[in-house]
N, C-alpha and C. Protein backbone atom coordinates (compact mmCIF):
# COMPACT_ATOMS: atom_id res chain seq x y z
N UNK A 1 4.24 -10.80 9.20
CA UNK A 1 4.49 -11.08 7.79
C UNK A 1 5.09 -9.88 7.08
N UNK A 2 4.95 -9.89 5.78
CA UNK A 2 5.54 -8.81 4.98
C UNK A 2 4.96 -7.44 5.29
N UNK A 3 3.68 -7.41 5.64
CA UNK A 3 3.03 -6.11 5.82
C UNK A 3 3.64 -5.35 6.99
N UNK A 4 4.03 -6.06 8.07
CA UNK A 4 4.61 -5.34 9.20
C UNK A 4 6.06 -4.95 8.94
N UNK A 5 6.78 -5.76 8.19
CA UNK A 5 8.19 -5.47 7.93
C UNK A 5 8.35 -4.20 7.11
N UNK A 6 7.37 -3.88 6.29
CA UNK A 6 7.48 -2.69 5.45
C UNK A 6 7.48 -1.41 6.27
N UNK A 7 7.01 -1.47 7.50
CA UNK A 7 6.90 -0.26 8.30
C UNK A 7 8.03 -0.13 9.33
N UNK A 8 9.04 -0.98 9.24
CA UNK A 8 10.13 -0.87 10.21
C UNK A 8 11.05 0.30 9.88
N UNK A 9 11.19 0.66 8.59
CA UNK A 9 12.03 1.80 8.23
C UNK A 9 11.28 3.09 8.54
N UNK A 10 12.04 4.09 8.97
CA UNK A 10 11.39 5.36 9.26
C UNK A 10 10.97 6.03 7.96
N UNK A 11 9.81 6.63 7.97
CA UNK A 11 9.22 7.23 6.78
C UNK A 11 9.25 8.74 6.94
N UNK A 12 9.85 9.46 6.00
CA UNK A 12 9.92 10.92 6.16
C UNK A 12 8.55 11.56 5.98
N UNK A 13 8.28 12.54 6.81
CA UNK A 13 7.06 13.32 6.69
C UNK A 13 7.42 14.80 6.77
N UNK A 14 6.53 15.62 6.27
CA UNK A 14 6.80 17.05 6.30
C UNK A 14 5.55 17.78 6.76
N UNK A 15 5.75 18.83 7.54
CA UNK A 15 4.63 19.60 8.06
C UNK A 15 4.87 21.06 7.76
N UNK A 16 3.80 21.76 7.45
CA UNK A 16 3.85 23.20 7.27
C UNK A 16 2.94 23.82 8.30
N UNK A 17 3.47 24.74 9.09
CA UNK A 17 2.64 25.42 10.08
C UNK A 17 2.68 26.91 9.81
N UNK A 18 1.59 27.57 10.05
CA UNK A 18 1.54 29.01 9.88
C UNK A 18 0.87 29.64 11.09
N UNK A 19 1.55 30.56 11.72
CA UNK A 19 0.93 31.38 12.74
C UNK A 19 0.72 32.76 12.14
N UNK A 20 0.40 33.74 12.95
CA UNK A 20 0.11 35.06 12.40
C UNK A 20 1.34 35.69 11.77
N UNK A 21 2.53 35.34 12.24
CA UNK A 21 3.72 36.00 11.73
C UNK A 21 4.78 35.04 11.21
N UNK A 22 4.54 33.76 11.29
CA UNK A 22 5.60 32.82 10.93
C UNK A 22 5.12 31.76 9.94
N UNK A 23 5.99 31.46 8.99
CA UNK A 23 5.82 30.29 8.13
C UNK A 23 6.94 29.32 8.49
N UNK A 24 6.63 28.10 8.76
CA UNK A 24 7.66 27.13 9.09
C UNK A 24 7.39 25.81 8.38
N UNK A 25 8.45 25.24 7.83
CA UNK A 25 8.36 23.91 7.26
C UNK A 25 9.24 23.00 8.09
N UNK A 26 8.64 21.93 8.61
CA UNK A 26 9.37 20.96 9.42
C UNK A 26 9.47 19.66 8.67
N UNK A 27 10.59 18.99 8.85
CA UNK A 27 10.83 17.72 8.16
C UNK A 27 11.36 16.73 9.17
N UNK A 28 10.77 15.56 9.23
CA UNK A 28 11.17 14.59 10.25
C UNK A 28 10.75 13.21 9.77
N UNK A 29 10.87 12.23 10.64
CA UNK A 29 10.28 10.94 10.35
C UNK A 29 9.31 10.60 11.47
N UNK A 30 8.49 9.58 11.22
CA UNK A 30 7.44 9.28 12.18
C UNK A 30 7.99 8.95 13.55
N UNK A 31 9.21 8.40 13.59
CA UNK A 31 9.76 8.00 14.88
C UNK A 31 10.12 9.21 15.74
N UNK A 32 10.38 10.36 15.11
CA UNK A 32 10.78 11.53 15.90
C UNK A 32 9.63 12.51 16.11
N UNK A 33 8.45 12.19 15.61
CA UNK A 33 7.33 13.12 15.75
C UNK A 33 6.69 12.97 17.13
N UNK A 34 6.85 13.99 17.94
CA UNK A 34 6.19 13.97 19.24
C UNK A 34 5.10 15.01 19.30
N UNK A 35 5.20 16.07 18.49
CA UNK A 35 4.13 17.05 18.38
C UNK A 35 4.26 17.70 17.02
N UNK A 36 3.44 18.68 16.75
CA UNK A 36 3.40 19.24 15.39
C UNK A 36 4.66 20.01 15.03
N UNK A 37 5.50 20.32 16.01
CA UNK A 37 6.70 21.08 15.68
C UNK A 37 7.97 20.29 15.94
N UNK A 38 7.86 18.96 15.94
CA UNK A 38 9.05 18.14 16.06
C UNK A 38 9.78 18.11 14.72
N UNK A 39 11.04 17.80 14.78
CA UNK A 39 11.78 17.65 13.54
C UNK A 39 12.65 18.84 13.22
N UNK A 40 13.19 18.85 12.03
CA UNK A 40 14.12 19.87 11.60
C UNK A 40 13.38 20.99 10.89
N UNK A 41 13.60 22.21 11.33
CA UNK A 41 12.99 23.36 10.67
C UNK A 41 13.86 23.74 9.49
N UNK A 42 13.35 23.57 8.27
CA UNK A 42 14.15 23.84 7.08
C UNK A 42 13.76 25.16 6.41
N UNK A 43 12.77 25.84 6.94
CA UNK A 43 12.32 27.09 6.32
C UNK A 43 11.53 27.87 7.36
N UNK A 44 11.78 29.17 7.44
CA UNK A 44 11.02 29.98 8.38
C UNK A 44 10.68 31.32 7.76
N UNK A 45 9.97 32.14 8.52
CA UNK A 45 9.38 33.35 7.97
C UNK A 45 10.42 34.36 7.50
N UNK A 46 11.64 34.32 8.05
CA UNK A 46 12.66 35.28 7.64
C UNK A 46 13.05 35.10 6.17
N UNK A 47 12.80 33.93 5.63
CA UNK A 47 13.22 33.64 4.26
C UNK A 47 12.31 34.26 3.20
N UNK A 48 11.11 34.68 3.57
CA UNK A 48 10.15 35.03 2.54
C UNK A 48 9.15 36.06 3.02
N UNK A 49 8.69 36.87 2.08
CA UNK A 49 7.55 37.74 2.39
C UNK A 49 6.25 36.96 2.23
N UNK A 50 6.23 35.99 1.31
CA UNK A 50 5.04 35.16 1.09
C UNK A 50 5.48 33.72 0.84
N UNK A 51 4.97 32.81 1.67
CA UNK A 51 5.20 31.38 1.46
C UNK A 51 4.17 30.89 0.46
N UNK A 52 4.61 30.05 -0.51
CA UNK A 52 3.68 29.60 -1.54
C UNK A 52 3.39 28.11 -1.48
N UNK A 53 4.41 27.26 -1.55
CA UNK A 53 4.13 25.83 -1.55
C UNK A 53 5.40 25.06 -1.19
N UNK A 54 5.22 23.79 -0.92
CA UNK A 54 6.35 22.93 -0.56
C UNK A 54 6.05 21.52 -1.04
N UNK A 55 7.08 20.80 -1.47
CA UNK A 55 6.90 19.40 -1.86
C UNK A 55 8.20 18.65 -1.65
N UNK A 56 8.10 17.32 -1.69
CA UNK A 56 9.26 16.45 -1.54
C UNK A 56 9.30 15.50 -2.72
N UNK A 57 10.48 15.28 -3.30
CA UNK A 57 10.56 14.32 -4.40
C UNK A 57 10.99 12.95 -3.89
N UNK A 58 11.14 12.01 -4.81
CA UNK A 58 11.40 10.62 -4.42
C UNK A 58 12.77 10.43 -3.78
N UNK A 59 13.69 11.39 -3.97
CA UNK A 59 15.01 11.30 -3.34
C UNK A 59 15.07 12.12 -2.06
N UNK A 60 13.90 12.53 -1.55
CA UNK A 60 13.77 13.29 -0.31
C UNK A 60 14.32 14.70 -0.40
N UNK A 61 14.52 15.23 -1.60
CA UNK A 61 14.83 16.65 -1.71
C UNK A 61 13.55 17.46 -1.48
N UNK A 62 13.71 18.58 -0.81
CA UNK A 62 12.58 19.43 -0.45
C UNK A 62 12.59 20.66 -1.35
N UNK A 63 11.44 21.01 -1.91
CA UNK A 63 11.31 22.20 -2.76
C UNK A 63 10.30 23.14 -2.11
N UNK A 64 10.73 24.36 -1.85
CA UNK A 64 9.88 25.36 -1.21
C UNK A 64 9.79 26.55 -2.14
N UNK A 65 8.58 26.94 -2.53
CA UNK A 65 8.43 28.14 -3.36
C UNK A 65 7.97 29.28 -2.47
N UNK A 66 8.58 30.44 -2.69
CA UNK A 66 8.23 31.61 -1.90
C UNK A 66 8.46 32.86 -2.73
N UNK A 67 7.97 33.98 -2.20
CA UNK A 67 8.02 35.23 -2.93
C UNK A 67 8.64 36.29 -2.03
N UNK A 68 9.56 37.06 -2.59
CA UNK A 68 10.07 38.26 -1.93
C UNK A 68 9.87 39.42 -2.90
N UNK A 69 9.18 40.47 -2.42
CA UNK A 69 8.78 41.57 -3.30
C UNK A 69 8.01 40.98 -4.47
N UNK A 70 8.44 41.20 -5.70
CA UNK A 70 7.74 40.62 -6.83
C UNK A 70 8.50 39.46 -7.46
N UNK A 71 9.54 38.98 -6.78
CA UNK A 71 10.36 37.91 -7.32
C UNK A 71 9.98 36.58 -6.67
N UNK A 72 9.94 35.54 -7.49
CA UNK A 72 9.62 34.19 -7.00
C UNK A 72 10.90 33.36 -6.92
N UNK A 73 10.98 32.53 -5.89
CA UNK A 73 12.16 31.72 -5.64
C UNK A 73 11.76 30.28 -5.34
N UNK A 74 12.68 29.38 -5.62
CA UNK A 74 12.58 27.99 -5.17
C UNK A 74 13.78 27.73 -4.27
N UNK A 75 13.52 27.22 -3.08
CA UNK A 75 14.60 26.78 -2.19
C UNK A 75 14.62 25.26 -2.24
N UNK A 76 15.76 24.70 -2.63
CA UNK A 76 15.90 23.25 -2.69
C UNK A 76 16.80 22.81 -1.54
N UNK A 77 16.25 22.00 -0.66
CA UNK A 77 16.99 21.47 0.48
C UNK A 77 17.26 19.99 0.21
N UNK A 78 18.52 19.59 0.26
CA UNK A 78 18.89 18.21 -0.02
C UNK A 78 18.99 17.44 1.28
N UNK A 79 18.39 16.26 1.29
CA UNK A 79 18.36 15.41 2.47
C UNK A 79 19.15 14.14 2.20
N UNK A 80 20.04 13.79 3.11
CA UNK A 80 20.74 12.51 3.03
C UNK A 80 20.56 11.78 4.36
N UNK A 81 20.76 10.49 4.32
CA UNK A 81 20.62 9.69 5.54
C UNK A 81 22.02 9.26 5.99
N UNK A 82 22.38 9.63 7.21
CA UNK A 82 23.66 9.24 7.80
C UNK A 82 23.40 8.63 9.17
N UNK A 83 23.93 7.44 9.39
CA UNK A 83 23.74 6.74 10.66
C UNK A 83 22.26 6.62 11.01
N UNK A 84 21.46 6.40 9.97
CA UNK A 84 20.04 6.21 10.20
C UNK A 84 19.26 7.48 10.49
N UNK A 85 19.93 8.65 10.40
CA UNK A 85 19.24 9.91 10.69
C UNK A 85 19.28 10.80 9.45
N UNK A 86 18.25 11.63 9.31
CA UNK A 86 18.19 12.55 8.19
C UNK A 86 19.09 13.74 8.43
N UNK A 87 19.91 14.06 7.44
CA UNK A 87 20.80 15.22 7.51
C UNK A 87 20.41 16.18 6.38
N UNK A 88 20.45 17.49 6.65
CA UNK A 88 20.00 18.47 5.69
C UNK A 88 21.11 19.48 5.43
N UNK A 89 21.19 19.93 4.17
CA UNK A 89 22.07 21.06 3.91
C UNK A 89 21.27 22.35 4.10
N UNK A 90 21.92 23.48 3.88
CA UNK A 90 21.25 24.77 4.08
C UNK A 90 20.36 25.14 2.90
N UNK A 91 20.40 24.35 1.87
CA UNK A 91 19.55 24.59 0.72
C UNK A 91 20.17 25.58 -0.26
N UNK A 92 19.70 25.51 -1.50
CA UNK A 92 20.09 26.46 -2.53
C UNK A 92 18.86 27.23 -2.97
N UNK A 93 19.04 28.52 -3.16
CA UNK A 93 17.93 29.36 -3.60
C UNK A 93 18.07 29.66 -5.08
N UNK A 94 16.98 29.44 -5.81
CA UNK A 94 16.96 29.71 -7.24
C UNK A 94 15.89 30.76 -7.52
N UNK A 95 16.28 31.84 -8.17
CA UNK A 95 15.27 32.80 -8.59
C UNK A 95 14.63 32.31 -9.88
N UNK A 96 13.29 32.39 -9.93
CA UNK A 96 12.56 31.93 -11.10
C UNK A 96 12.46 33.05 -12.11
N UNK A 97 13.06 32.86 -13.27
CA UNK A 97 12.90 33.77 -14.39
C UNK A 97 11.87 33.16 -15.32
N UNK A 98 10.64 33.64 -15.23
CA UNK A 98 9.54 33.01 -15.97
C UNK A 98 9.28 33.76 -17.26
N UNK A 99 9.38 33.05 -18.36
CA UNK A 99 9.06 33.63 -19.66
C UNK A 99 7.60 33.32 -19.98
N UNK A 100 6.71 34.00 -19.29
CA UNK A 100 5.27 33.79 -19.48
C UNK A 100 4.63 35.12 -19.84
N UNK A 101 3.45 35.03 -20.42
CA UNK A 101 2.79 36.22 -20.93
C UNK A 101 1.87 36.88 -19.91
N UNK A 102 1.84 36.36 -18.70
CA UNK A 102 0.93 36.88 -17.69
C UNK A 102 1.69 37.18 -16.40
N UNK A 103 1.01 37.79 -15.47
CA UNK A 103 1.60 38.06 -14.17
C UNK A 103 1.48 36.82 -13.29
N UNK A 104 2.61 36.37 -12.75
CA UNK A 104 2.61 35.19 -11.88
C UNK A 104 2.27 35.64 -10.46
N UNK A 105 1.16 35.15 -9.94
CA UNK A 105 0.78 35.49 -8.57
C UNK A 105 1.44 34.57 -7.56
N UNK A 106 1.47 33.28 -7.85
CA UNK A 106 2.11 32.35 -6.93
C UNK A 106 2.50 31.08 -7.67
N UNK A 107 3.53 30.43 -7.15
CA UNK A 107 3.99 29.14 -7.68
C UNK A 107 3.49 28.06 -6.74
N UNK A 108 2.75 27.10 -7.28
CA UNK A 108 2.17 26.05 -6.43
C UNK A 108 2.53 24.69 -7.00
N UNK A 109 2.58 23.70 -6.14
CA UNK A 109 2.70 22.30 -6.53
C UNK A 109 3.91 22.04 -7.41
N UNK A 110 5.05 21.85 -6.78
CA UNK A 110 6.32 21.68 -7.47
C UNK A 110 6.66 20.20 -7.53
N UNK A 111 7.11 19.71 -8.69
CA UNK A 111 7.56 18.33 -8.82
C UNK A 111 8.85 18.29 -9.62
N UNK A 112 9.81 17.50 -9.16
CA UNK A 112 11.06 17.34 -9.89
C UNK A 112 11.01 16.02 -10.66
N UNK A 113 11.32 16.08 -11.95
CA UNK A 113 11.45 14.87 -12.78
C UNK A 113 12.78 14.99 -13.50
N UNK A 114 13.63 14.00 -13.35
CA UNK A 114 15.02 14.06 -13.84
C UNK A 114 15.63 15.39 -13.40
N UNK A 115 16.11 16.20 -14.33
CA UNK A 115 16.69 17.49 -13.95
C UNK A 115 15.74 18.65 -14.22
N UNK A 116 14.48 18.34 -14.38
CA UNK A 116 13.50 19.35 -14.73
C UNK A 116 12.53 19.56 -13.57
N UNK A 117 12.18 20.81 -13.34
CA UNK A 117 11.21 21.14 -12.30
C UNK A 117 9.91 21.52 -12.97
N UNK A 118 8.83 20.86 -12.59
CA UNK A 118 7.50 21.21 -13.09
C UNK A 118 6.73 21.91 -11.99
N UNK A 119 5.96 22.92 -12.35
CA UNK A 119 5.21 23.65 -11.35
C UNK A 119 4.01 24.32 -12.00
N UNK A 120 2.99 24.57 -11.20
CA UNK A 120 1.87 25.37 -11.66
C UNK A 120 2.01 26.76 -11.09
N UNK A 121 1.64 27.75 -11.89
CA UNK A 121 1.49 29.08 -11.32
C UNK A 121 0.04 29.52 -11.46
N UNK A 122 -0.33 30.46 -10.63
CA UNK A 122 -1.67 31.04 -10.68
C UNK A 122 -1.52 32.48 -11.16
N UNK A 123 -2.29 32.85 -12.18
CA UNK A 123 -2.17 34.22 -12.69
C UNK A 123 -3.15 35.14 -11.98
N UNK A 124 -3.19 36.39 -12.44
CA UNK A 124 -4.02 37.40 -11.77
C UNK A 124 -5.51 37.11 -11.89
N UNK A 125 -5.89 36.23 -12.83
CA UNK A 125 -7.30 35.86 -12.98
C UNK A 125 -7.63 34.53 -12.31
N UNK A 126 -6.66 33.96 -11.59
CA UNK A 126 -6.89 32.69 -10.91
C UNK A 126 -6.75 31.48 -11.80
N UNK A 127 -6.26 31.65 -13.04
CA UNK A 127 -6.06 30.51 -13.93
C UNK A 127 -4.74 29.82 -13.64
N UNK A 128 -4.72 28.50 -13.77
CA UNK A 128 -3.51 27.72 -13.55
C UNK A 128 -2.75 27.51 -14.85
N UNK A 129 -1.44 27.70 -14.80
CA UNK A 129 -0.58 27.50 -15.95
C UNK A 129 0.51 26.51 -15.56
N UNK A 130 0.77 25.52 -16.40
CA UNK A 130 1.83 24.55 -16.14
C UNK A 130 3.14 25.08 -16.70
N UNK A 131 4.16 25.16 -15.84
CA UNK A 131 5.47 25.65 -16.22
C UNK A 131 6.49 24.52 -16.15
N UNK A 132 7.51 24.61 -16.98
CA UNK A 132 8.63 23.68 -16.96
C UNK A 132 9.88 24.48 -16.65
N UNK A 133 10.55 24.14 -15.56
CA UNK A 133 11.71 24.90 -15.12
C UNK A 133 13.02 24.19 -15.42
N UNK A 134 13.99 24.95 -15.91
CA UNK A 134 15.31 24.41 -16.23
C UNK A 134 16.37 25.17 -15.45
N UNK A 135 17.25 24.44 -14.79
CA UNK A 135 18.33 25.07 -14.04
C UNK A 135 19.39 25.63 -14.99
N UNK A 136 19.92 26.79 -14.65
CA UNK A 136 21.04 27.32 -15.41
C UNK A 136 22.33 26.70 -14.90
N UNK A 137 23.42 26.89 -15.65
CA UNK A 137 24.67 26.22 -15.29
C UNK A 137 25.23 26.73 -13.97
N UNK A 138 24.97 27.99 -13.65
CA UNK A 138 25.51 28.50 -12.38
C UNK A 138 24.61 28.16 -11.19
N UNK A 139 23.49 27.52 -11.45
CA UNK A 139 22.58 27.05 -10.41
C UNK A 139 22.08 28.16 -9.48
N UNK A 140 21.93 29.37 -10.01
CA UNK A 140 21.31 30.42 -9.22
C UNK A 140 19.96 30.83 -9.80
N UNK A 141 19.72 30.45 -11.04
CA UNK A 141 18.46 30.81 -11.69
C UNK A 141 17.73 29.56 -12.13
N UNK A 142 16.44 29.71 -12.25
CA UNK A 142 15.58 28.66 -12.78
C UNK A 142 14.74 29.31 -13.87
N UNK A 143 14.99 28.94 -15.11
CA UNK A 143 14.24 29.52 -16.21
C UNK A 143 12.99 28.69 -16.45
N UNK A 144 11.83 29.32 -16.30
CA UNK A 144 10.56 28.61 -16.42
C UNK A 144 9.86 29.02 -17.70
N UNK A 145 9.48 28.05 -18.50
CA UNK A 145 8.72 28.29 -19.71
C UNK A 145 7.34 27.67 -19.57
N UNK A 146 6.37 28.28 -20.24
CA UNK A 146 5.00 27.81 -20.12
C UNK A 146 4.74 26.64 -21.06
N UNK A 147 4.08 25.61 -20.54
CA UNK A 147 3.74 24.45 -21.35
C UNK A 147 2.26 24.48 -21.73
N UNK A 148 1.42 24.78 -20.77
CA UNK A 148 -0.01 24.72 -21.02
C UNK A 148 -0.74 25.63 -20.04
N UNK A 149 -1.97 26.02 -20.39
CA UNK A 149 -2.74 26.90 -19.53
C UNK A 149 -4.22 26.83 -19.88
N UNK A 150 -5.02 27.53 -19.12
CA UNK A 150 -6.44 27.78 -19.36
C UNK A 150 -7.35 26.56 -19.19
N UNK A 151 -6.90 25.37 -19.55
CA UNK A 151 -7.81 24.23 -19.52
C UNK A 151 -7.90 23.59 -18.14
N UNK A 152 -7.09 24.05 -17.18
CA UNK A 152 -7.06 23.41 -15.87
C UNK A 152 -8.14 23.98 -14.96
N UNK A 153 -8.65 23.11 -14.10
CA UNK A 153 -9.46 23.58 -13.00
C UNK A 153 -8.55 24.01 -11.86
N UNK A 154 -9.04 23.91 -10.64
CA UNK A 154 -8.19 24.17 -9.47
C UNK A 154 -7.35 22.92 -9.23
N UNK A 155 -6.03 23.04 -9.38
CA UNK A 155 -5.14 21.89 -9.28
C UNK A 155 -4.90 21.58 -7.81
N UNK A 156 -5.28 20.39 -7.39
CA UNK A 156 -5.07 19.97 -6.01
C UNK A 156 -3.79 19.16 -5.88
N UNK A 157 -3.44 18.42 -6.92
CA UNK A 157 -2.18 17.67 -6.93
C UNK A 157 -1.91 17.25 -8.36
N UNK A 158 -0.67 16.86 -8.64
CA UNK A 158 -0.34 16.42 -9.99
C UNK A 158 0.94 15.61 -9.95
N UNK A 159 1.21 14.88 -11.04
CA UNK A 159 2.49 14.22 -11.21
C UNK A 159 2.81 14.20 -12.69
N UNK A 160 4.08 13.99 -13.00
CA UNK A 160 4.56 13.95 -14.37
C UNK A 160 5.15 12.57 -14.61
N UNK A 161 4.88 11.99 -15.77
CA UNK A 161 5.41 10.67 -16.08
C UNK A 161 6.93 10.73 -16.22
N UNK A 162 7.59 9.61 -16.00
CA UNK A 162 9.05 9.57 -16.03
C UNK A 162 9.62 10.00 -17.38
N UNK A 163 8.87 9.70 -18.46
CA UNK A 163 9.36 10.11 -19.78
C UNK A 163 8.98 11.57 -20.09
N UNK A 164 8.31 12.22 -19.16
CA UNK A 164 7.93 13.63 -19.26
C UNK A 164 7.03 13.92 -20.46
N UNK A 165 6.24 12.92 -20.85
CA UNK A 165 5.29 13.10 -21.95
C UNK A 165 3.87 13.35 -21.47
N UNK A 166 3.59 13.03 -20.22
CA UNK A 166 2.24 13.16 -19.70
C UNK A 166 2.27 13.85 -18.34
N UNK A 167 1.24 14.65 -18.09
CA UNK A 167 1.02 15.18 -16.74
C UNK A 167 -0.38 14.74 -16.31
N UNK A 168 -0.46 14.23 -15.09
CA UNK A 168 -1.72 13.77 -14.53
C UNK A 168 -2.12 14.73 -13.42
N UNK A 169 -3.34 15.21 -13.46
CA UNK A 169 -3.78 16.21 -12.48
C UNK A 169 -5.01 15.72 -11.74
N UNK A 170 -5.13 16.19 -10.50
CA UNK A 170 -6.34 16.00 -9.71
C UNK A 170 -6.92 17.39 -9.53
N UNK A 171 -8.08 17.63 -10.12
CA UNK A 171 -8.62 18.98 -10.20
C UNK A 171 -10.00 19.05 -9.55
N UNK A 172 -10.34 20.23 -9.07
CA UNK A 172 -11.70 20.48 -8.62
C UNK A 172 -12.26 21.67 -9.38
N UNK A 173 -13.53 21.62 -9.64
CA UNK A 173 -14.22 22.75 -10.28
C UNK A 173 -15.54 22.96 -9.56
N UNK A 174 -16.05 24.18 -9.64
CA UNK A 174 -17.37 24.48 -9.08
C UNK A 174 -18.29 24.94 -10.20
N UNK A 175 -19.56 24.62 -10.04
CA UNK A 175 -20.53 25.10 -11.03
C UNK A 175 -21.25 26.32 -10.47
N UNK A 176 -22.29 26.75 -11.14
CA UNK A 176 -23.02 27.96 -10.74
C UNK A 176 -23.69 27.82 -9.38
N UNK A 177 -23.90 26.58 -8.93
CA UNK A 177 -24.57 26.36 -7.65
C UNK A 177 -23.58 26.01 -6.56
N UNK A 178 -22.29 26.24 -6.83
CA UNK A 178 -21.22 25.97 -5.86
C UNK A 178 -21.09 24.50 -5.50
N UNK A 179 -21.49 23.62 -6.41
CA UNK A 179 -21.23 22.19 -6.22
C UNK A 179 -19.82 21.89 -6.73
N UNK A 180 -19.08 21.15 -5.92
CA UNK A 180 -17.72 20.79 -6.32
C UNK A 180 -17.72 19.48 -7.10
N UNK A 181 -16.94 19.45 -8.16
CA UNK A 181 -16.70 18.20 -8.88
C UNK A 181 -15.21 17.97 -8.94
N UNK A 182 -14.79 16.71 -8.85
CA UNK A 182 -13.37 16.37 -8.83
C UNK A 182 -13.06 15.49 -10.03
N UNK A 183 -11.94 15.77 -10.67
CA UNK A 183 -11.56 15.06 -11.88
C UNK A 183 -10.10 14.64 -11.80
N UNK A 184 -9.83 13.44 -12.27
CA UNK A 184 -8.47 12.98 -12.49
C UNK A 184 -8.24 13.01 -13.99
N UNK A 185 -7.33 13.87 -14.46
CA UNK A 185 -7.14 14.08 -15.89
C UNK A 185 -5.72 13.81 -16.29
N UNK A 186 -5.54 13.46 -17.55
CA UNK A 186 -4.20 13.33 -18.11
C UNK A 186 -4.07 14.28 -19.28
N UNK A 187 -2.93 14.93 -19.38
CA UNK A 187 -2.63 15.85 -20.46
C UNK A 187 -1.34 15.39 -21.13
N UNK A 188 -1.28 15.57 -22.44
CA UNK A 188 -0.04 15.28 -23.16
C UNK A 188 0.80 16.54 -23.22
N UNK A 189 2.07 16.42 -22.83
CA UNK A 189 2.99 17.56 -22.89
C UNK A 189 3.57 17.63 -24.29
N UNK A 190 3.36 18.75 -24.93
CA UNK A 190 3.88 18.92 -26.29
C UNK A 190 4.87 20.07 -26.34
């Protein structure tokens, strides 16, 4: 019936592996996965001193955040389907120019909505700040401005509404006894 037909198309998956000296992001579909390192390697340790996060948007573009020295970057890899197979470009690197009042330790959980990139950063105190990134015309920089901060727990995942008025987060917090609590929250972007 319908339930089996939905699984005939190959579904893209992405894996991140880390050994003692290497960061690798692999991208493939279920049909080509034979082991944990099957697929196309779109990112490796030579690209970064510190790997931070990776995500895929609805058009199968890949976003990888990484750090070199004290500078943060986003690598965007574009994926197209040709002859039923995934094809990748070499990606574009964008340096993040963040106009924030704190030190950015890492960029985590990246989501693209229309032409805007949303991301959380973690500051030196471990607080999460929601940033909104805008591409410059020369497409080498990403200017990130702060939208909200302080009220977030540990962000495990999030999404932004299509009209970019709401952000929904999945958060965890711990109390004094190290009990974890999980919350699904919505915030209004102002």
